[in-house]
């Protein structure tokens, strides 16, 4: 195998991961990777079928004499979240990823790695090519998981024949997930009213950067700061002290990613500039104290952007927008009463964008209970209404209720203990999994979710543990044996 994965085992799996890392595959841009998987299947003389959404199934016959055994479905999504480091020119629509080995881990250079869910895809490709004893297998590759799970939502109940499914989108080896939260997006539209600014006012760019970001499900309770929320707190302090005007505000990259950077262009009265700088210095010190060891790379900057006649939001619109952004919820809202340490309900202020006629705020609310999502999103809608904005809710996806009596879970626990001489951890997650939708669309599906050790998904720090990938490969092969 060529670098960077020479010597890593299982070699075939790492070769496939390297090859799909060269194929751009962010959400809604999966045709190339689906074509690549289809070509691999055809070269192996395996049957394939594609549905209207772009999901792909590859069939692999059972070992000789095992055709009557129940079919097992292995499932991964082919898309990834594309996040790049500040200053990076990486184009996720054209450029290949650049994975590297760092000790016991694999990461990417200046971008997210795509181990979520690329390792699952590579494992399935390896098992398609491996010669080993197994029951009938269906390999289900779904599209657009990260941007709404629309591939899973489009699945027809007859698209796959098996009724036992192993989802490979987990992020902790040794843990079998049997439940996940549901979610729905809220898109808040704040109408923009602009007017010419005073020429003598000074324009400044106020920016928050250097935060860890991360997954809005798995990392929402880790104490990580939201750049969007920190920026809004500074804007609110300035609004309380003086008549600033907002020209634009942007922040975040994805609705399901905790924002790591945000910026606003503001107009400050020339005679209040010293006071404004003091306020920002005070907030910077406060944030650093609050962040402590959690956000060691936090940066708050305030840089002059010139003077001149430009249009900005009116004073009233500036105040209303900042007030609304302050009032909108973000972070953990409730913890589970039944599972210690599990977040029950949260919401993420993922993206803020300024257009010509409106500011758009994209939020993602998650909960193990659908009624809680409804309550939180109604709160968002009400807050927006108070300042003349409106909020639209997406359809989202349901929660995946736990099934502790699952035969597949019982089998997986026994196999794991036999292989690794230790019990597996059975857990629920606050993030979303396609199993919730698959279970709704295909009644009677017995499901578990598992995966390798992945750290910091949906961020430039994303990494996957090499040893855990080998263990996962070994475990899945054992799970599909007759």
Protein backbone atom coordinates (compact mmCIF):
# COMPACT_ATOMS: atom_id res chain seq x y z
CA UNK A 1 0.00 0.00 0.00
CA UNK A 2 1.27 3.48 -0.78
CA UNK A 3 1.74 6.08 1.90
CA UNK A 4 0.31 7.31 4.23
CA UNK A 5 -1.16 3.97 5.37
CA UNK A 6 1.68 1.56 4.55
CA UNK A 7 1.86 -1.12 7.23
CA UNK A 8 -1.59 -0.48 8.69
CA UNK A 9 -3.91 -3.45 9.13
CA UNK A 10 -6.28 -4.54 7.77
CA UNK A 11 -4.51 -3.36 4.64
CA UNK A 12 -7.51 -3.71 2.31
CA UNK A 13 -9.71 -1.56 4.56
CA UNK A 14 -7.10 1.22 4.81
CA UNK A 15 -6.54 1.12 1.05
CA UNK A 16 -10.24 1.68 0.47
CA UNK A 17 -10.33 4.49 3.04
CA UNK A 18 -7.45 6.21 1.25
CA UNK A 19 -9.18 5.85 -2.10
CA UNK A 20 -12.50 7.29 -0.94
CA UNK A 21 -10.59 10.11 0.81
CA UNK A 22 -9.50 11.19 -2.66
CA UNK A 23 -13.12 11.49 -3.80
CA UNK A 24 -15.02 14.65 -2.82
CA UNK A 25 -18.07 13.46 -0.87
CA UNK A 26 -19.62 16.19 1.22
CA UNK A 27 -23.38 16.04 1.63
CA UNK A 28 -25.36 16.27 -1.63
CA UNK A 29 -22.14 15.64 -3.54
CA UNK A 30 -22.00 11.83 -3.34
CA UNK A 31 -22.44 10.72 -6.96
CA UNK A 32 -18.73 10.16 -7.50
CA UNK A 33 -18.26 8.00 -4.42
CA UNK A 34 -21.43 6.00 -5.17
CA UNK A 35 -20.09 5.43 -8.70
CA UNK A 36 -16.77 4.28 -7.24
CA UNK A 37 -18.48 1.79 -4.89
CA UNK A 38 -20.66 0.52 -7.74
CA UNK A 39 -17.58 -0.07 -9.88
CA UNK A 40 -15.89 -2.02 -7.08
CA UNK A 41 -19.00 -4.19 -6.69
CA UNK A 42 -19.23 -4.84 -10.41
CA UNK A 43 -15.58 -5.88 -10.57
CA UNK A 44 -16.36 -8.35 -7.77
CA UNK A 45 -19.41 -9.54 -9.77
CA UNK A 46 -21.79 -8.54 -6.99
CA UNK A 47 -25.38 -7.45 -7.64
CA UNK A 48 -26.20 -3.77 -7.10
CA UNK A 49 -29.32 -1.64 -7.07
CA UNK A 50 -29.82 2.11 -6.78
CA UNK A 51 -32.93 3.90 -5.56
CA UNK A 52 -34.32 7.29 -6.60
CA UNK A 53 -32.49 9.10 -3.78
CA UNK A 54 -29.09 7.70 -4.78
CA UNK A 55 -28.82 5.07 -2.05
CA UNK A 56 -26.96 1.93 -3.12
CA UNK A 57 -27.36 -1.71 -2.07
CA UNK A 58 -24.74 -4.34 -2.88
CA UNK A 59 -25.63 -8.02 -2.38
CA UNK A 60 -23.14 -10.70 -1.41
CA UNK A 61 -24.24 -14.32 -1.37
CA UNK A 62 -23.77 -16.49 1.68
CA UNK A 63 -21.05 -19.08 2.02
CA UNK A 64 -21.81 -22.42 0.42
CA UNK A 65 -24.68 -24.11 2.21
CA UNK A 66 -25.61 -21.01 4.24
CA UNK A 67 -28.08 -19.36 1.85
CA UNK A 68 -31.02 -20.11 4.15
CA UNK A 69 -29.53 -18.09 7.01
CA UNK A 70 -31.17 -14.69 7.72
CA UNK A 71 -29.67 -11.83 5.74
CA UNK A 72 -27.72 -9.21 7.67
CA UNK A 73 -27.60 -5.61 6.44
CA UNK A 74 -24.43 -3.57 6.99
CA UNK A 75 -25.07 0.15 6.64
CA UNK A 76 -22.99 3.33 6.43
CA UNK A 77 -23.54 6.79 4.95
CA UNK A 78 -21.13 7.91 2.26
CA UNK A 79 -21.17 11.67 2.86
CA UNK A 80 -19.03 13.64 5.31
CA UNK A 81 -18.99 17.04 7.00
CA UNK A 82 -16.38 19.25 5.36
CA UNK A 83 -14.66 21.63 7.79
CA UNK A 84 -11.37 23.35 6.99
CA UNK A 85 -8.86 25.23 9.11
CA UNK A 86 -8.81 29.04 9.02
CA UNK A 87 -6.85 30.18 6.00
CA UNK A 88 -7.15 26.85 4.22
CA UNK A 89 -7.97 26.93 0.51
CA UNK A 90 -9.29 23.38 0.46
CA UNK A 91 -12.22 23.00 -1.95
CA UNK A 92 -14.45 20.15 -0.75
CA UNK A 93 -16.09 19.94 -4.17
CA UNK A 94 -12.81 19.23 -5.96
CA UNK A 95 -9.83 18.59 -3.71
CA UNK A 96 -8.83 15.23 -2.18
CA UNK A 97 -8.37 14.94 1.57
CA UNK A 98 -4.81 14.50 2.86
CA UNK A 99 -4.86 11.91 5.66
CA UNK A 100 -1.78 11.38 7.81
CA UNK A 101 -0.77 9.01 10.60
CA UNK A 102 -0.04 10.63 13.93
CA UNK A 103 1.07 7.97 16.39
CA UNK A 104 -1.91 5.75 17.18
CA UNK A 105 -4.30 7.95 15.21
CA UNK A 106 -5.13 8.99 11.66
CA UNK A 107 -6.19 12.58 10.97
CA UNK A 108 -6.32 14.92 7.98
CA UNK A 109 -4.21 17.93 7.07
CA UNK A 110 -6.13 21.18 7.70
CA UNK A 111 -9.57 19.57 7.24
CA UNK A 112 -12.00 17.17 8.82
CA UNK A 113 -11.04 13.55 8.15
CA UNK A 114 -14.31 11.98 7.08
CA UNK A 115 -13.78 8.94 9.31
CA UNK A 116 -17.41 9.69 10.13
CA UNK A 117 -18.61 7.61 8.25
CA UNK A 118 -15.77 6.84 5.85
CA UNK A 119 -14.34 4.08 8.04
CA UNK A 120 -17.70 2.31 7.91
CA UNK A 121 -17.77 2.66 4.12
CA UNK A 122 -14.20 1.34 3.81
CA UNK A 123 -15.00 -1.58 6.12
CA UNK A 124 -18.00 -2.54 3.98
CA UNK A 125 -15.90 -2.32 0.82
CA UNK A 126 -13.29 -4.57 2.43
CA UNK A 127 -15.92 -7.14 3.44
CA UNK A 128 -17.35 -7.07 -0.07
CA UNK A 129 -13.92 -8.08 -1.35
CA UNK A 130 -12.87 -10.41 1.49
CA UNK A 131 -13.32 -14.16 1.09
CA UNK A 132 -14.71 -15.40 4.41
CA UNK A 133 -17.57 -17.48 5.75
CA UNK A 134 -20.75 -15.44 6.18
CA UNK A 135 -24.53 -15.35 6.04
CA UNK A 136 -26.18 -13.53 3.09
CA UNK A 137 -25.13 -9.87 3.28
CA UNK A 138 -26.58 -6.62 1.99
CA UNK A 139 -24.34 -3.56 2.03
CA UNK A 140 -26.48 -0.42 2.28
CA UNK A 141 -24.72 2.84 1.38
CA UNK A 142 -26.91 5.87 2.13
CA UNK A 143 -26.53 9.48 0.97
CA UNK A 144 -26.89 12.90 2.58
CA UNK A 145 -26.91 11.76 6.20
CA UNK A 146 -25.12 14.84 7.51
CA UNK A 147 -27.46 17.39 5.93
CA UNK A 148 -30.86 15.98 6.81
CA UNK A 149 -30.70 12.18 6.44
CA UNK A 150 -32.68 12.47 3.23
CA UNK A 151 -31.22 9.23 1.87
CA UNK A 152 -32.53 7.23 4.81
CA UNK A 153 -35.86 9.08 4.66
CA UNK A 154 -36.32 7.98 1.04
CA UNK A 155 -35.72 4.28 1.75
CA UNK A 156 -38.49 1.98 0.63
CA UNK A 157 -39.28 -0.95 2.92
CA UNK A 158 -38.48 -3.41 0.12
CA UNK A 159 -35.17 -1.82 -0.92
CA UNK A 160 -33.35 -4.14 1.47
CA UNK A 161 -34.45 -7.69 2.24
CA UNK A 162 -32.66 -8.31 5.53
CA UNK A 163 -34.30 -7.48 8.84
CA UNK A 164 -31.14 -7.41 10.95
CA UNK A 165 -29.06 -4.27 10.50
CA UNK A 166 -25.64 -3.26 11.82
CA UNK A 167 -25.09 0.47 11.47
CA UNK A 168 -21.37 1.38 11.36
CA UNK A 169 -21.71 5.06 12.26
CA UNK A 170 -20.65 4.72 15.91
CA UNK A 171 -17.76 6.66 17.42
CA UNK A 172 -16.67 4.52 20.38
CA UNK A 173 -15.39 1.00 19.92
CA UNK A 174 -16.78 -1.42 22.49
CA UNK A 175 -20.07 0.43 22.71
CA UNK A 176 -23.29 -0.86 21.16
CA UNK A 177 -25.77 1.93 20.62
CA UNK A 178 -29.45 0.98 20.77
CA UNK A 179 -31.12 4.41 20.93
CA UNK A 180 -30.64 7.97 19.65
CA UNK A 181 -32.25 11.37 19.81
CA UNK A 182 -34.58 12.78 17.19
CA UNK A 183 -34.15 16.28 15.78
CA UNK A 184 -35.72 19.08 13.79
CA UNK A 185 -34.16 22.23 12.33
CA UNK A 186 -35.45 25.75 12.87
CA UNK A 187 -34.60 28.38 10.26
CA UNK A 188 -35.08 31.89 11.67
CA UNK A 189 -35.53 34.73 9.15
CA UNK A 190 -34.88 38.27 10.44
CA UNK A 191 -35.81 40.94 7.86
CA UNK A 192 -33.01 43.47 7.31
CA UNK A 193 -33.72 47.21 7.29
CA UNK A 194 -30.73 49.34 6.24
CA UNK A 195 -29.88 53.03 6.03
CA UNK A 196 -26.74 55.08 5.28
CA UNK A 197 -24.28 55.32 8.17
CA UNK A 198 -22.60 58.48 9.41
CA UNK A 199 -19.33 59.09 7.57
CA UNK A 200 -17.48 59.95 10.78
CA UNK A 201 -18.27 56.58 12.35
CA UNK A 202 -15.53 53.95 12.37
CA UNK A 203 -16.06 50.47 10.99
CA UNK A 204 -14.64 47.52 12.90
CA UNK A 205 -14.53 43.76 12.38
CA UNK A 206 -15.25 41.96 15.62
CA UNK A 207 -14.23 38.30 15.46
CA UNK A 208 -14.22 35.18 17.64
CA UNK A 209 -12.04 32.29 16.47
CA UNK A 210 -9.91 29.37 17.60
CA UNK A 211 -12.67 27.39 19.31
CA UNK A 212 -12.83 23.60 19.15
CA UNK A 213 -16.28 23.37 17.58
CA UNK A 214 -17.39 19.78 17.27
CA UNK A 215 -20.53 17.68 16.92
CA UNK A 216 -23.69 19.37 18.15
CA UNK A 217 -24.91 16.05 19.53
CA UNK A 218 -21.89 14.22 20.92
CA UNK A 219 -19.98 17.33 22.06
CA UNK A 220 -22.80 19.61 23.19
CA UNK A 221 -22.29 18.70 26.86
CA UNK A 222 -18.48 18.95 26.79
CA UNK A 223 -18.43 22.62 27.79
CA UNK A 224 -17.31 23.80 24.37
CA UNK A 225 -18.12 27.39 23.58
CA UNK A 226 -20.17 28.62 20.65
CA UNK A 227 -18.44 31.38 18.68
CA UNK A 228 -21.85 32.61 17.58
CA UNK A 229 -23.03 33.03 21.16
CA UNK A 230 -19.78 34.67 22.35
CA UNK A 231 -19.95 37.17 19.51
CA UNK A 232 -23.55 38.01 20.32
CA UNK A 233 -22.66 38.55 23.99
CA UNK A 234 -20.07 41.15 22.95
CA UNK A 235 -22.50 42.85 20.61
CA UNK A 236 -25.07 43.03 23.40
CA UNK A 237 -22.57 44.70 25.74
CA UNK A 238 -21.79 47.30 23.08
CA UNK A 239 -25.49 47.89 22.39
CA UNK A 240 -26.06 48.47 26.11
CA UNK A 241 -23.37 51.17 26.18
CA UNK A 242 -23.67 53.01 22.88
CA UNK A 243 -25.45 53.31 19.55
CA UNK A 244 -23.55 50.82 17.38
CA UNK A 245 -24.81 49.74 13.99
CA UNK A 246 -24.47 46.24 12.57
CA UNK A 247 -23.48 45.88 8.93
CA UNK A 248 -23.26 42.09 8.85
CA UNK A 249 -22.89 39.05 11.08
CA UNK A 250 -21.76 35.58 10.03
CA UNK A 251 -20.77 32.52 12.00
CA UNK A 252 -20.61 28.74 11.96
CA UNK A 253 -20.31 26.31 9.07
CA UNK A 254 -22.97 23.61 9.54
CA UNK A 255 -26.22 23.34 11.44
CA UNK A 256 -24.96 20.25 13.29
CA UNK A 257 -21.54 21.72 14.14
CA UNK A 258 -20.86 23.88 17.21
CA UNK A 259 -19.58 27.14 15.69
CA UNK A 260 -15.83 27.63 16.04
CA UNK A 261 -15.62 31.10 14.51
CA UNK A 262 -17.89 34.09 13.95
CA UNK A 263 -17.49 37.71 12.85
CA UNK A 264 -19.47 40.92 12.72
CA UNK A 265 -18.85 44.19 10.93
CA UNK A 266 -20.04 47.07 13.10
CA UNK A 267 -20.09 50.85 13.03
CA UNK A 268 -18.96 52.60 16.24
CA UNK A 269 -19.41 56.32 16.98
CA UNK A 270 -15.97 57.96 16.78
CA UNK A 271 -16.31 59.57 20.22
CA UNK A 272 -17.11 56.20 21.87
CA UNK A 273 -14.28 54.17 20.35
CA UNK A 274 -12.14 54.07 23.50
CA UNK A 275 -15.11 52.89 25.56
CA UNK A 276 -15.91 50.22 22.98
CA UNK A 277 -12.36 48.86 23.04
CA UNK A 278 -12.43 48.72 26.85
CA UNK A 279 -15.71 46.77 26.73
CA UNK A 280 -14.26 44.26 24.28
CA UNK A 281 -11.09 43.87 26.35
CA UNK A 282 -13.24 43.18 29.40
CA UNK A 283 -15.31 40.58 27.54
CA UNK A 284 -12.16 38.94 26.17
CA UNK A 285 -10.82 38.51 29.70
CA UNK A 286 -14.18 37.18 30.88
CA UNK A 287 -14.35 34.61 28.07
CA UNK A 288 -10.80 33.45 28.78
CA UNK A 289 -11.70 32.91 32.41
CA UNK A 290 -14.88 31.04 31.50
CA UNK A 291 -13.08 28.90 28.94
CA UNK A 292 -10.26 27.89 31.32
CA UNK A 293 -8.74 24.65 29.92
CA UNK A 294 -11.67 23.89 27.60
CA UNK A 295 -10.91 26.44 24.89
CA UNK A 296 -7.17 27.24 25.15
CA UNK A 297 -6.99 28.65 21.60
CA UNK A 298 -9.86 31.15 21.98
CA UNK A 299 -9.16 34.44 20.19
CA UNK A 300 -11.17 37.67 20.27
CA UNK A 301 -10.04 40.38 17.85
CA UNK A 302 -11.26 43.85 16.96
CA UNK A 303 -9.75 45.32 13.82
CA UNK A 304 -10.43 48.60 12.03
CA UNK A 305 -12.19 48.24 8.68
CA UNK A 306 -12.10 51.88 7.53
CA UNK A 307 -14.60 54.71 7.30
CA UNK A 308 -16.94 55.98 4.65
CA UNK A 309 -20.50 55.96 3.52
CA UNK A 310 -21.94 52.48 3.84
CA UNK A 311 -25.34 51.08 4.60
CA UNK A 312 -26.00 49.30 7.86
CA UNK A 313 -28.94 48.07 9.87
CA UNK A 314 -31.03 50.77 11.47
CA UNK A 315 -30.56 51.34 15.19
CA UNK A 316 -33.85 49.58 15.90
CA UNK A 317 -33.03 46.63 13.65
CA UNK A 318 -29.57 46.30 15.22
CA UNK A 319 -31.03 46.23 18.73
CA UNK A 320 -33.80 43.78 17.80
CA UNK A 321 -31.44 41.39 16.03
CA UNK A 322 -28.92 41.36 18.87
CA UNK A 323 -31.70 40.95 21.44
CA UNK A 324 -33.16 38.02 19.51
CA UNK A 325 -29.77 36.33 19.15
CA UNK A 326 -29.18 36.77 22.89
CA UNK A 327 -32.56 35.26 23.73
CA UNK A 328 -32.41 32.27 21.39
CA UNK A 329 -31.44 29.13 23.33
CA UNK A 330 -28.23 27.22 22.75
CA UNK A 331 -26.63 24.22 24.43
CA UNK A 332 -27.88 21.58 26.84
CA UNK A 333 -31.46 22.25 27.95
CA UNK A 334 -32.21 19.04 29.90
CA UNK A 335 -30.42 15.87 31.02
CA UNK A 336 -31.94 12.40 30.93
CA UNK A 337 -33.79 11.35 34.05
CA UNK A 338 -33.14 7.67 33.27
CA UNK A 339 -29.61 7.40 31.81
CA UNK A 340 -26.85 9.13 33.85
CA UNK A 341 -24.78 11.56 31.81
CA UNK A 342 -27.02 11.45 28.73
CA UNK A 343 -28.30 14.73 27.33
CA UNK A 344 -32.07 14.62 26.92
CA UNK A 345 -32.65 17.87 25.02
CA UNK A 346 -30.39 20.47 23.40
CA UNK A 347 -30.31 23.04 20.65
CA UNK A 348 -27.43 24.37 18.56
CA UNK A 349 -27.17 27.84 17.01
CA UNK A 350 -25.23 26.41 14.11
CA UNK A 351 -25.07 29.05 11.37
CA UNK A 352 -25.68 32.80 11.10
CA UNK A 353 -25.71 34.34 7.61
CA UNK A 354 -26.34 37.91 6.45
CA UNK A 355 -27.96 38.46 3.08
CA UNK A 356 -29.22 41.50 1.23
CA UNK A 357 -32.69 41.36 2.73
CA UNK A 358 -32.46 39.14 5.81
CA UNK A 359 -30.28 37.54 8.44
CA UNK A 360 -30.79 33.77 8.58
CA UNK A 361 -30.10 31.74 11.72
CA UNK A 362 -30.08 27.95 11.38
CA UNK A 363 -30.66 25.99 14.59
CA UNK A 364 -30.82 22.25 15.27
CA UNK A 365 -32.86 20.96 18.20
CA UNK A 366 -32.37 17.39 19.46
CA UNK A 367 -34.21 15.35 22.07
CA UNK A 368 -35.04 11.80 23.05
CA UNK A 369 -38.67 13.00 23.21
CA UNK A 370 -40.53 14.51 20.26
CA UNK A 371 -42.66 16.70 22.55
CA UNK A 372 -39.54 18.39 23.93
CA UNK A 373 -38.41 19.28 20.40
CA UNK A 374 -41.82 20.81 19.75
CA UNK A 375 -41.61 22.88 22.96
CA UNK A 376 -38.09 24.19 22.25
CA UNK A 377 -38.89 25.08 18.66
CA UNK A 378 -42.07 26.84 19.73
CA UNK A 379 -39.93 28.91 22.10
CA UNK A 380 -37.64 29.81 19.19
CA UNK A 381 -40.63 30.75 17.07
CA UNK A 382 -42.06 32.96 19.84
CA UNK A 383 -38.76 34.78 20.43
CA UNK A 384 -38.47 35.47 16.70
CA UNK A 385 -42.03 36.78 16.56
CA UNK A 386 -41.35 39.42 19.24
CA UNK A 387 -38.89 41.24 16.95
CA UNK A 388 -40.73 40.82 13.67
CA UNK A 389 -38.86 37.74 12.49
CA UNK A 390 -40.33 34.35 11.65
CA UNK A 391 -39.09 30.78 12.01
CA UNK A 392 -39.73 27.74 9.81
CA UNK A 393 -39.41 24.18 11.10
CA UNK A 394 -38.12 21.29 9.00
CA UNK A 395 -39.56 17.79 9.14
CA UNK A 396 -36.50 16.35 10.93
CA UNK A 397 -36.38 12.72 12.02
CA UNK A 398 -37.76 10.72 14.95
CA UNK A 399 -35.99 9.33 17.99
CA UNK A 400 -34.88 5.69 17.99
CA UNK A 401 -36.38 4.02 21.07
CA UNK A 402 -34.24 1.39 22.86
CA UNK A 403 -34.93 -2.34 22.49
CA UNK A 404 -33.06 -4.11 25.28
CA UNK A 405 -34.56 -7.45 24.24
CA UNK A 406 -33.06 -7.25 20.72
CA UNK A 407 -31.83 -10.68 19.50
CA UNK A 408 -29.13 -8.95 17.45
CA UNK A 409 -27.92 -7.10 20.55
CA UNK A 410 -27.82 -10.32 22.57
CA UNK A 411 -25.81 -12.02 19.82
CA UNK A 412 -23.44 -9.06 19.48
CA UNK A 413 -22.79 -8.93 23.22
CA UNK A 414 -21.91 -12.63 23.29
CA UNK A 415 -19.58 -12.34 20.27
CA UNK A 416 -17.85 -9.25 21.67
CA UNK A 417 -17.20 -10.93 25.03
CA UNK A 418 -15.85 -14.02 23.32
CA UNK A 419 -13.46 -11.98 21.15
CA UNK A 420 -12.25 -9.41 23.66
CA UNK A 421 -12.83 -11.08 27.04
CA UNK A 422 -14.82 -8.09 28.32
CA UNK A 423 -18.46 -6.98 28.17
CA UNK A 424 -19.54 -4.40 25.62
CA UNK A 425 -21.06 -1.13 26.77
CA UNK A 426 -24.71 -0.68 25.80
CA UNK A 427 -25.67 2.95 25.45
CA UNK A 428 -27.87 5.63 23.93
CA UNK A 429 -26.52 8.74 22.17
CA UNK A 430 -27.74 12.29 21.89
CA UNK A 431 -26.69 12.54 18.27
CA UNK A 432 -28.85 11.44 15.40
CA UNK A 433 -28.48 8.11 13.63
CA UNK A 434 -30.08 6.85 10.46
CA UNK A 435 -31.33 3.84 12.40
CA UNK A 436 -34.16 6.00 13.75
CA UNK A 437 -35.46 6.62 10.23
CA UNK A 438 -34.65 3.15 8.90
CA UNK A 439 -36.60 1.62 11.77
CA UNK A 440 -39.56 3.85 10.97
CA UNK A 441 -39.47 3.14 7.23
CA UNK A 442 -38.80 -0.59 7.54
CA UNK A 443 -40.91 -2.03 10.39
CA UNK A 444 -39.49 -5.04 12.17
CA UNK A 445 -35.84 -4.12 11.60
CA UNK A 446 -33.63 -5.33 14.49
CA UNK A 447 -30.73 -2.86 14.75
CA UNK A 448 -27.58 -1.92 16.62
CA UNK A 449 -24.97 0.74 15.90
CA UNK A 450 -21.21 0.44 16.46
CA UNK A 451 -17.97 1.89 15.18
CA UNK A 452 -14.28 2.65 15.81
CA UNK A 453 -12.90 5.24 18.23
CA UNK A 454 -13.39 8.61 16.54
CA UNK A 455 -12.50 11.86 18.29
CA UNK A 456 -13.71 15.37 17.42
CA UNK A 457 -15.93 14.51 14.42
CA UNK A 458 -17.17 17.43 12.31
CA UNK A 459 -14.01 19.44 13.05
CA UNK A 460 -10.46 19.86 11.76
CA UNK A 461 -9.29 17.86 14.79
CA UNK A 462 -11.23 14.75 13.73
CA UNK A 463 -9.17 11.58 14.17
CA UNK A 464 -9.70 7.83 14.25
CA UNK A 465 -7.81 5.31 16.36
CA UNK A 466 -5.91 2.82 14.21
CA UNK A 467 -6.15 -0.16 16.58
CA UNK A 468 -9.90 0.28 17.02
CA UNK A 469 -10.41 0.06 13.25
CA UNK A 470 -8.72 -3.34 13.20
CA UNK A 471 -10.82 -4.52 16.14
CA UNK A 472 -13.99 -3.30 14.46
CA UNK A 473 -13.14 -5.22 11.30
CA UNK A 474 -12.57 -8.37 13.35
CA UNK A 475 -15.83 -7.89 15.29
CA UNK A 476 -18.05 -7.29 12.26
CA UNK A 477 -16.66 -10.33 10.44
CA UNK A 478 -17.50 -12.43 13.50
CA UNK A 479 -21.01 -10.96 13.75
CA UNK A 480 -21.91 -12.01 10.21
CA UNK A 481 -20.60 -15.54 10.43
CA UNK A 482 -23.23 -18.30 10.25
